């Protein structure tokens, strides 16, 4: 008795549409630019409105864009932490103002009898604590004495 050849079911061939190709290119450009939509659209020659329309209508495309955005944020946070590790004062202040709010590291609006907080690369102090001088004058003196 002769065996019949095993005929596996063939998967239907799905050809990519022109739109699918553009979406793939836009995602690649978006990743390369760390999430810059304008750059991605210019590189793939699509309108920004088209890009946002795809995000609105195509769940998978939106998920891919969101993933690239998260990756970009992770990359940038890593670079910020490198600056903090190198004791960059601006990076330290920025980090504390954004991540240290629960501990009181934030710019607060001055109360009626207080002058605003003055941020300096070498010192952080309230202007009212500088006896007999306006905060701006104190900052000028600090810079000239450096």
Protein backbone atom coordinates (compact mmCIF):
# COMPACT_ATOMS: atom_id res chain seq x y z
CA UNK A 1 0.00 0.00 0.00
CA UNK A 2 1.32 3.33 -1.03
CA UNK A 3 1.45 6.22 1.44
CA UNK A 4 0.01 9.51 0.45
CA UNK A 5 2.45 12.39 0.64
CA UNK A 6 2.06 14.55 3.72
CA UNK A 7 0.45 17.69 2.52
CA UNK A 8 0.95 20.34 5.12
CA UNK A 9 -1.43 23.21 4.90
CA UNK A 10 0.27 26.10 3.24
CA UNK A 11 0.03 29.42 4.94
CA UNK A 12 -1.45 32.06 2.72
CA UNK A 13 1.16 34.43 1.37
CA UNK A 14 0.53 37.89 2.71
CA UNK A 15 2.29 40.58 0.80
CA UNK A 16 3.11 43.80 2.56
CA UNK A 17 1.20 46.79 1.37
CA UNK A 18 2.86 50.07 0.52
CA UNK A 19 1.48 51.46 3.79
CA UNK A 20 2.99 48.58 5.78
CA UNK A 21 6.38 49.30 4.21
CA UNK A 22 6.06 53.01 5.06
CA UNK A 23 5.08 52.17 8.63
CA UNK A 24 8.07 49.89 9.04
CA UNK A 25 10.36 52.59 7.66
CA UNK A 26 8.82 55.22 9.93
CA UNK A 27 9.36 53.00 12.98
CA UNK A 28 12.99 52.39 12.00
CA UNK A 29 13.59 56.14 11.56
CA UNK A 30 11.77 56.86 14.81
CA UNK A 31 14.03 54.43 16.65
CA UNK A 32 17.15 55.90 15.04
CA UNK A 33 16.11 59.41 16.10
CA UNK A 34 15.17 58.36 19.66
CA UNK A 35 11.51 59.15 19.13
CA UNK A 36 11.68 62.33 17.03
CA UNK A 37 8.49 62.13 14.95
CA UNK A 38 9.40 65.04 12.64
CA UNK A 39 12.73 63.39 11.76
CA UNK A 40 11.06 60.02 11.16
CA UNK A 41 8.42 61.55 8.91
CA UNK A 42 10.97 63.53 6.91
CA UNK A 43 13.18 60.47 6.39
CA UNK A 44 10.27 58.33 5.20
CA UNK A 45 8.59 61.16 3.28
CA UNK A 46 5.27 60.91 5.06
CA UNK A 47 3.19 63.69 6.59
CA UNK A 48 3.09 64.00 10.37
CA UNK A 49 -0.69 63.86 10.13
CA UNK A 50 -0.37 60.47 8.41
CA UNK A 51 1.91 59.25 11.20
CA UNK A 52 -0.61 60.29 13.86
CA UNK A 53 -3.47 58.82 11.83
CA UNK A 54 -1.64 55.48 11.82
CA UNK A 55 -1.21 55.73 15.58
CA UNK A 56 -4.92 56.37 15.97
CA UNK A 57 -6.05 53.56 13.66
CA UNK A 58 -3.37 50.87 14.07
CA UNK A 59 -3.02 49.46 17.59
CA UNK A 60 0.20 47.56 16.78
CA UNK A 61 1.81 50.67 15.26
CA UNK A 62 0.90 52.71 18.36
CA UNK A 63 2.34 50.01 20.64
CA UNK A 64 5.58 50.04 18.63
CA UNK A 65 5.76 53.86 18.82
CA UNK A 66 5.14 53.75 22.59
CA UNK A 67 7.88 51.13 23.00
CA UNK A 68 10.34 53.33 21.09
CA UNK A 69 9.36 56.27 23.29
CA UNK A 70 10.06 54.22 26.43
CA UNK A 71 13.40 53.10 25.01
CA UNK A 72 14.32 56.70 24.26
CA UNK A 73 13.41 57.77 27.79
CA UNK A 74 15.49 54.94 29.27
CA UNK A 75 18.47 55.96 27.13
CA UNK A 76 18.16 59.62 28.16
CA UNK A 77 17.77 58.76 31.84
CA UNK A 78 20.96 56.71 31.55
CA UNK A 79 22.81 59.71 30.11
CA UNK A 80 21.46 61.92 32.91
CA UNK A 81 22.71 59.44 35.50
CA UNK A 82 26.15 59.47 33.85
CA UNK A 83 26.20 63.26 34.34
CA UNK A 84 25.06 62.90 37.96
CA UNK A 85 27.81 60.33 38.52
CA UNK A 86 30.35 62.80 37.13
CA UNK A 87 29.07 65.35 39.71
CA UNK A 88 27.62 67.72 37.10
CA UNK A 89 25.81 70.34 39.25
CA UNK A 90 23.13 71.11 36.67
CA UNK A 91 22.30 67.43 36.26
CA UNK A 92 22.20 66.96 40.04
CA UNK A 93 19.84 69.91 40.48
CA UNK A 94 17.62 68.72 37.64
CA UNK A 95 17.49 65.20 39.05
CA UNK A 96 16.63 66.42 42.54
CA UNK A 97 13.96 68.83 41.23
CA UNK A 98 12.27 66.01 39.31
CA UNK A 99 12.90 62.87 41.37
CA UNK A 100 13.44 64.40 44.82
CA UNK A 101 10.16 66.29 45.17
CA UNK A 102 8.99 64.04 48.01
CA UNK A 103 12.06 65.11 49.96
CA UNK A 104 11.50 68.80 49.32
CA UNK A 105 13.83 69.33 46.37
CA UNK A 106 11.67 71.56 44.23
CA UNK A 107 11.33 75.18 43.32
CA UNK A 108 8.67 76.69 45.48
CA UNK A 109 6.89 79.92 44.83
CA UNK A 110 8.05 82.59 47.21
CA UNK A 111 5.72 83.51 50.01
CA UNK A 112 4.81 87.18 50.16
CA UNK A 113 7.72 88.14 52.49
CA UNK A 114 10.31 85.88 50.82
CA UNK A 115 12.32 86.36 47.69
CA UNK A 116 12.58 83.46 45.22
CA UNK A 117 15.09 80.66 45.65
CA UNK A 118 18.32 81.34 43.77
CA UNK A 119 19.97 78.37 42.05
CA UNK A 120 23.69 78.62 41.53
CA UNK A 121 26.21 76.09 40.26
CA UNK A 122 28.23 76.44 43.44
CA UNK A 123 25.63 77.33 46.08
CA UNK A 124 21.91 76.96 46.60
CA UNK A 125 20.39 79.48 48.99
CA UNK A 126 17.34 81.64 49.54
CA UNK A 127 17.82 85.24 48.55
CA UNK A 128 16.35 86.46 51.86
CA UNK A 129 19.23 84.71 53.65
CA UNK A 130 21.73 87.07 52.00
CA UNK A 131 21.74 89.91 54.53
CA UNK A 132 21.20 93.38 53.07
CA UNK A 133 21.46 92.37 49.43
CA UNK A 134 19.09 91.50 46.67
CA UNK A 135 19.45 87.90 45.47
CA UNK A 136 20.58 89.02 42.02
CA UNK A 137 23.33 91.21 43.50
CA UNK A 138 24.52 88.29 45.60
CA UNK A 139 24.68 86.11 42.51
CA UNK A 140 26.69 88.77 40.64
CA UNK A 141 29.13 89.05 43.56
CA UNK A 142 29.50 85.28 43.73
CA UNK A 143 30.34 85.11 40.02
CA UNK A 144 32.84 87.97 40.21
CA UNK A 145 34.62 86.42 43.21
CA UNK A 146 35.01 83.06 41.42
